[in-house]
Amino acid sequence: MTNNYKNTVCIYSVTPDETQSLGNTIGGLAIPGDLILMTGELGAGKTCFTQGLLNGLGSVEYVRSPTFVLLIEYKGRIPLYHTDLYRISEIAELESIGIEEYLNSDGICVVEWADRFQSIFQLDHLAIKIDWDKSGPSSNTRRINLTSKGSRHTKLIDDVVDSELHKII
């Protein structure tokens, strides 16, 4: 990743419901053109987070991992384009699914395993890294780092923090 980041915040999640709740908050704040680049180990909660994001867009559809179909489109107040680069190994494969069209669309593009193609990180985006806490995969606690590149996504993080603090108060 680059060093052009403006804002970073770390949020801890103890349950899948909490991970989805964070996604729901971001979905409620999302606007057309938002790009969300997700990283994390298998089973860390990327698809779980995306389920919450889709719910925050007003959809009741069930999110499936796009590992084998590469890209799934969901309907909500804003379309959600959910892609997974885990099985993609070359840039030609990435281009064959029309990734450029989705990265520059009127919807929200969520890219799982985005770190497989570092060039994507040059675009303005919200990077979300989900890891287990120090206890490792046996732990239920997830560390979710939100990092922005670009003023739009810096504002998004600020709004998420404000809404999360508001829920606590």
C-alpha atoms as a PDB file:
ATOM      1  CA  MET A   1       0.000   0.000   0.000  1.00  0.00           C
ATOM      2  CA  THR A   2       1.035   3.588  -0.418  1.00  0.00           C
ATOM      3  CA  ASN A   3       1.761   6.223   2.165  1.00  0.00           C
ATOM      4  CA  ASN A   4      -0.877   8.657   0.819  1.00  0.00           C
ATOM      5  CA  TYR A   5      -3.367   7.807   3.548  1.00  0.00           C
ATOM      6  CA  LYS A   6      -5.160  10.598   5.328  1.00  0.00           C
ATOM      7  CA  ASN A   7      -6.973   8.876   8.153  1.00  0.00           C
ATOM      8  CA  THR A   8      -6.859   5.531   9.930  1.00  0.00           C
ATOM      9  CA  VAL A   9      -9.007   4.133  12.697  1.00  0.00           C
ATOM     10  CA  CYS A  10      -9.061   0.713  14.347  1.00  0.00           C
ATOM     11  CA  ILE A  11     -12.341  -0.811  15.496  1.00  0.00           C
ATOM     12  CA  TYR A  12     -12.656  -4.091  17.386  1.00  0.00           C
ATOM     13  CA  SER A  13     -15.501  -6.496  16.696  1.00  0.00           C
ATOM     14  CA  VAL A  14     -16.278  -9.434  18.981  1.00  0.00           C
ATOM     15  CA  THR A  15     -19.159 -10.999  17.035  1.00  0.00           C
ATOM     16  CA  PRO A  16     -20.240 -11.364  13.403  1.00  0.00           C
ATOM     17  CA  ASP A  17     -23.218  -9.132  14.285  1.00  0.00           C
ATOM     18  CA  GLU A  18     -20.818  -6.356  15.323  1.00  0.00           C
ATOM     19  CA  THR A  19     -18.862  -6.778  12.076  1.00  0.00           C
ATOM     20  CA  GLN A  20     -22.097  -6.561  10.105  1.00  0.00           C
ATOM     21  CA  SER A  21     -23.197  -3.553  12.136  1.00  0.00           C
ATOM     22  CA  LEU A  22     -20.045  -1.686  11.124  1.00  0.00           C
ATOM     23  CA  GLY A  23     -20.707  -2.642   7.499  1.00  0.00           C
ATOM     24  CA  ASN A  24     -24.291  -1.454   7.895  1.00  0.00           C
ATOM     25  CA  THR A  25     -23.093   1.921   9.165  1.00  0.00           C
ATOM     26  CA  ILE A  26     -20.741   2.330   6.206  1.00  0.00           C
ATOM     27  CA  GLY A  27     -23.481   1.213   3.797  1.00  0.00           C
ATOM     28  CA  GLY A  28     -25.785   3.866   5.210  1.00  0.00           C
ATOM     29  CA  LEU A  29     -23.138   6.540   4.649  1.00  0.00           C
ATOM     30  CA  ALA A  30     -21.961   5.320   1.241  1.00  0.00           C
ATOM     31  CA  ILE A  31     -22.428   7.310  -1.937  1.00  0.00           C
ATOM     32  CA  PRO A  32     -22.163   6.336  -5.612  1.00  0.00           C
ATOM     33  CA  GLY A  33     -18.569   5.855  -6.687  1.00  0.00           C
ATOM     34  CA  ASP A  34     -17.240   4.683  -3.319  1.00  0.00           C
ATOM     35  CA  LEU A  35     -14.477   2.099  -3.628  1.00  0.00           C
ATOM     36  CA  ILE A  36     -13.832  -0.268  -0.726  1.00  0.00           C
ATOM     37  CA  LEU A  37     -10.687  -2.389  -0.871  1.00  0.00           C
ATOM     38  CA  MET A  38     -10.711  -5.278   1.584  1.00  0.00           C
ATOM     39  CA  THR A  39      -7.872  -7.442   2.835  1.00  0.00           C
ATOM     40  CA  GLY A  40      -7.608 -10.139   5.479  1.00  0.00           C
ATOM     41  CA  GLU A  41      -7.062 -13.853   5.877  1.00  0.00           C
ATOM     42  CA  LEU A  42      -9.580 -16.494   4.849  1.00  0.00           C
ATOM     43  CA  GLY A  43     -12.449 -16.470   7.314  1.00  0.00           C
ATOM     44  CA  ALA A  44     -11.530 -13.123   8.850  1.00  0.00           C
ATOM     45  CA  GLY A  45     -14.945 -11.594   8.076  1.00  0.00           C
ATOM     46  CA  LYS A  46     -14.709  -9.797   4.718  1.00  0.00           C
ATOM     47  CA  THR A  47     -17.927 -11.279   3.343  1.00  0.00           C
ATOM     48  CA  CYS A  48     -19.649 -10.878   6.715  1.00  0.00           C
ATOM     49  CA  PHE A  49     -18.755  -7.179   6.657  1.00  0.00           C
ATOM     50  CA  THR A  50     -20.061  -6.903   3.081  1.00  0.00           C
ATOM     51  CA  GLN A  51     -23.384  -8.424   4.194  1.00  0.00           C
ATOM     52  CA  GLY A  52     -23.767  -5.572   6.658  1.00  0.00           C
ATOM     53  CA  LEU A  53     -22.782  -3.038   4.017  1.00  0.00           C
ATOM     54  CA  LEU A  54     -25.455  -4.377   1.656  1.00  0.00           C
ATOM     55  CA  ASN A  55     -28.042  -4.205   4.445  1.00  0.00           C
ATOM     56  CA  GLY A  56     -27.005  -0.583   5.030  1.00  0.00           C
ATOM     57  CA  LEU A  57     -27.839   0.046   1.369  1.00  0.00           C
ATOM     58  CA  GLY A  58     -31.384  -1.116   2.076  1.00  0.00           C
ATOM     59  CA  SER A  59     -31.152  -4.581   0.557  1.00  0.00           C
ATOM     60  CA  VAL A  60     -32.260  -7.800   2.222  1.00  0.00           C
ATOM     61  CA  GLU A  61     -30.372  -9.980  -0.273  1.00  0.00           C
ATOM     62  CA  TYR A  62     -27.944 -12.547   1.082  1.00  0.00           C
ATOM     63  CA  VAL A  63     -24.280 -11.882   0.230  1.00  0.00           C
ATOM     64  CA  ARG A  64     -22.388 -14.807  -1.234  1.00  0.00           C
ATOM     65  CA  SER A  65     -18.629 -14.915  -1.512  1.00  0.00           C
ATOM     66  CA  PRO A  66     -17.768 -14.122  -5.141  1.00  0.00           C
ATOM     67  CA  THR A  67     -14.628 -16.309  -5.086  1.00  0.00           C
ATOM     68  CA  PHE A  68     -15.832 -18.635  -7.835  1.00  0.00           C
ATOM     69  CA  VAL A  69     -18.033 -16.267  -9.873  1.00  0.00           C
ATOM     70  CA  LEU A  70     -15.598 -13.329  -9.508  1.00  0.00           C
ATOM     71  CA  LEU A  71     -18.253 -10.585  -9.427  1.00  0.00           C
ATOM     72  CA  ILE A  72     -21.787 -10.322  -8.066  1.00  0.00           C
ATOM     73  CA  GLU A  73     -24.082  -7.315  -8.433  1.00  0.00           C
ATOM     74  CA  TYR A  74     -26.636  -6.550  -5.729  1.00  0.00           C
ATOM     75  CA  LYS A  75     -29.502  -4.060  -5.823  1.00  0.00           C
ATOM     76  CA  GLY A  76     -29.965  -1.486  -3.086  1.00  0.00           C
ATOM     77  CA  ARG A  77     -30.440   2.279  -2.934  1.00  0.00           C
ATOM     78  CA  ILE A  78     -27.070   2.238  -4.721  1.00  0.00           C
ATOM     79  CA  PRO A  79     -25.895  -0.831  -6.692  1.00  0.00           C
ATOM     80  CA  LEU A  80     -23.195  -2.871  -4.950  1.00  0.00           C
ATOM     81  CA  TYR A  81     -20.563  -4.590  -7.086  1.00  0.00           C
ATOM     82  CA  HIS A  82     -18.814  -7.247  -5.007  1.00  0.00           C
ATOM     83  CA  THR A  83     -15.703  -8.851  -6.437  1.00  0.00           C
ATOM     84  CA  ASP A  84     -13.071 -11.199  -5.120  1.00  0.00           C
ATOM     85  CA  LEU A  85      -9.522 -11.332  -6.514  1.00  0.00           C
ATOM     86  CA  TYR A  86      -8.432 -14.427  -4.582  1.00  0.00           C
ATOM     87  CA  ARG A  87      -8.431 -16.665  -7.672  1.00  0.00           C
ATOM     88  CA  ILE A  88      -7.123 -14.006 -10.081  1.00  0.00           C
ATOM     89  CA  SER A  89      -3.409 -14.261 -10.757  1.00  0.00           C
ATOM     90  CA  GLU A  90      -2.797 -12.016 -13.776  1.00  0.00           C
ATOM     91  CA  ILE A  91      -3.861  -8.530 -14.766  1.00  0.00           C
ATOM     92  CA  ALA A  92      -5.386  -9.890 -18.014  1.00  0.00           C
ATOM     93  CA  GLU A  93      -7.810 -11.970 -15.940  1.00  0.00           C
ATOM     94  CA  LEU A  94      -8.695  -8.903 -13.914  1.00  0.00           C
ATOM     95  CA  GLU A  95      -9.374  -6.928 -17.091  1.00  0.00           C
ATOM     96  CA  SER A  96     -11.491  -9.773 -18.516  1.00  0.00           C
ATOM     97  CA  ILE A  97     -14.117  -9.323 -15.786  1.00  0.00           C
ATOM     98  CA  GLY A  98     -14.326  -5.612 -16.667  1.00  0.00           C
ATOM     99  CA  ILE A  99     -13.027  -4.445 -13.308  1.00  0.00           C
ATOM    100  CA  GLU A 100     -12.324  -0.951 -14.637  1.00  0.00           C
ATOM    101  CA  GLU A 101     -16.020  -0.452 -15.401  1.00  0.00           C
ATOM    102  CA  TYR A 102     -16.976  -1.316 -11.818  1.00  0.00           C
ATOM    103  CA  LEU A 103     -14.217   0.744 -10.203  1.00  0.00           C
ATOM    104  CA  ASN A 104     -15.528   3.812 -12.033  1.00  0.00           C
ATOM    105  CA  SER A 105     -19.251   3.136 -11.763  1.00  0.00           C
ATOM    106  CA  ASP A 106     -22.354   4.717 -10.303  1.00  0.00           C
ATOM    107  CA  GLY A 107     -22.399   2.049  -7.626  1.00  0.00           C
ATOM    108  CA  ILE A 108     -20.232   0.993  -4.730  1.00  0.00           C
ATOM    109  CA  CYS A 109     -17.439  -1.412  -5.559  1.00  0.00           C
ATOM    110  CA  VAL A 110     -16.201  -3.779  -2.848  1.00  0.00           C
ATOM    111  CA  VAL A 111     -13.023  -5.662  -3.744  1.00  0.00           C
ATOM    112  CA  GLU A 112     -11.987  -8.586  -1.537  1.00  0.00           C
ATOM    113  CA  TRP A 113      -8.327  -9.666  -1.650  1.00  0.00           C
ATOM    114  CA  ALA A 114      -7.474  -6.270  -3.148  1.00  0.00           C
ATOM    115  CA  ASP A 115      -3.851  -6.613  -2.051  1.00  0.00           C
ATOM    116  CA  ARG A 116      -3.299  -9.126  -4.877  1.00  0.00           C
ATOM    117  CA  PHE A 117      -3.181  -6.149  -7.281  1.00  0.00           C
ATOM    118  CA  GLN A 118      -1.434  -3.191  -5.700  1.00  0.00           C
ATOM    119  CA  SER A 119      -2.251  -0.888  -8.642  1.00  0.00           C
ATOM    120  CA  ILE A 120      -5.847  -0.663  -7.384  1.00  0.00           C
ATOM    121  CA  PHE A 121      -4.559   1.145  -4.298  1.00  0.00           C
ATOM    122  CA  GLN A 122      -3.600   4.151  -6.439  1.00  0.00           C
ATOM    123  CA  LEU A 123      -7.293   5.085  -6.700  1.00  0.00           C
ATOM    124  CA  ASP A 124      -9.110   7.014  -3.971  1.00  0.00           C
ATOM    125  CA  HIS A 125     -10.632   4.395  -1.677  1.00  0.00           C
ATOM    126  CA  LEU A 126     -11.491   3.136   1.769  1.00  0.00           C
ATOM    127  CA  ALA A 127      -9.142   0.293   2.710  1.00  0.00           C
ATOM    128  CA  ILE A 128     -10.510  -2.198   5.221  1.00  0.00           C
ATOM    129  CA  LYS A 129      -8.169  -4.736   6.748  1.00  0.00           C
ATOM    130  CA  ILE A 130      -9.754  -7.380   8.969  1.00  0.00           C
ATOM    131  CA  ASP A 131      -7.502  -9.472  11.181  1.00  0.00           C
ATOM    132  CA  TRP A 132      -7.886 -11.575  14.273  1.00  0.00           C
ATOM    133  CA  ASP A 133      -6.681  -9.969  17.441  1.00  0.00           C
ATOM    134  CA  LYS A 134      -3.405 -11.185  18.958  1.00  0.00           C
ATOM    135  CA  SER A 135      -4.969 -14.536  19.920  1.00  0.00           C
ATOM    136  CA  GLY A 136      -5.134 -15.579  16.265  1.00  0.00           C
ATOM    137  CA  PRO A 137      -7.849 -17.495  14.358  1.00  0.00           C
ATOM    138  CA  SER A 138      -9.158 -19.180  17.521  1.00  0.00           C
ATOM    139  CA  SER A 139     -10.272 -15.762  18.763  1.00  0.00           C
ATOM    140  CA  ASN A 140     -13.683 -14.273  18.036  1.00  0.00           C
ATOM    141  CA  THR A 141     -12.289 -10.746  18.248  1.00  0.00           C
ATOM    142  CA  ARG A 142     -11.510  -9.028  14.971  1.00  0.00           C
ATOM    143  CA  ARG A 143      -9.373  -5.919  14.510  1.00  0.00           C
ATOM    144  CA  ILE A 144     -10.869  -3.869  11.670  1.00  0.00           C
ATOM    145  CA  ASN A 145      -8.619  -1.106  10.348  1.00  0.00           C
ATOM    146  CA  LEU A 146     -10.300   1.541   8.225  1.00  0.00           C
ATOM    147  CA  THR A 147      -7.851   3.627   6.214  1.00  0.00           C
ATOM    148  CA  SER A 148      -8.710   6.318   3.691  1.00  0.00           C
ATOM    149  CA  LYS A 149      -7.056   7.590   0.568  1.00  0.00           C
ATOM    150  CA  GLY A 150      -8.701  10.748  -0.698  1.00  0.00           C
ATOM    151  CA  SER A 151     -10.888  13.354   0.958  1.00  0.00           C
ATOM    152  CA  ARG A 152     -14.181  11.541   0.288  1.00  0.00           C
ATOM    153  CA  HIS A 153     -13.077   8.445   2.157  1.00  0.00           C
ATOM    154  CA  THR A 154     -11.478  10.478   4.950  1.00  0.00           C
ATOM    155  CA  LYS A 155     -14.897  12.060   5.488  1.00  0.00           C
ATOM    156  CA  LEU A 156     -16.478   8.610   5.401  1.00  0.00           C
ATOM    157  CA  ILE A 157     -14.202   7.409   8.216  1.00  0.00           C
ATOM    158  CA  ASP A 158     -14.924  10.563  10.227  1.00  0.00           C
ATOM    159  CA  ASP A 159     -18.669   9.977   9.775  1.00  0.00           C
ATOM    160  CA  VAL A 160     -18.317   6.320  10.812  1.00  0.00           C
ATOM    161  CA  VAL A 161     -16.423   7.304  13.960  1.00  0.00           C
ATOM    162  CA  ASP A 162     -19.020   9.960  14.770  1.00  0.00           C
ATOM    163  CA  SER A 163     -21.890   7.501  14.315  1.00  0.00           C
ATOM    164  CA  GLU A 164     -20.124   4.785  16.328  1.00  0.00           C
ATOM    165  CA  LEU A 165     -19.433   7.238  19.175  1.00  0.00           C
ATOM    166  CA  HIS A 166     -23.031   8.395  19.014  1.00  0.00           C
ATOM    167  CA  LYS A 167     -24.200   4.805  19.541  1.00  0.00           C
ATOM    168  CA  ILE A 168     -22.026   4.488  22.644  1.00  0.00           C
ATOM    169  CA  ILE A 169     -23.203   7.712  24.281  1.00  0.00           C
END
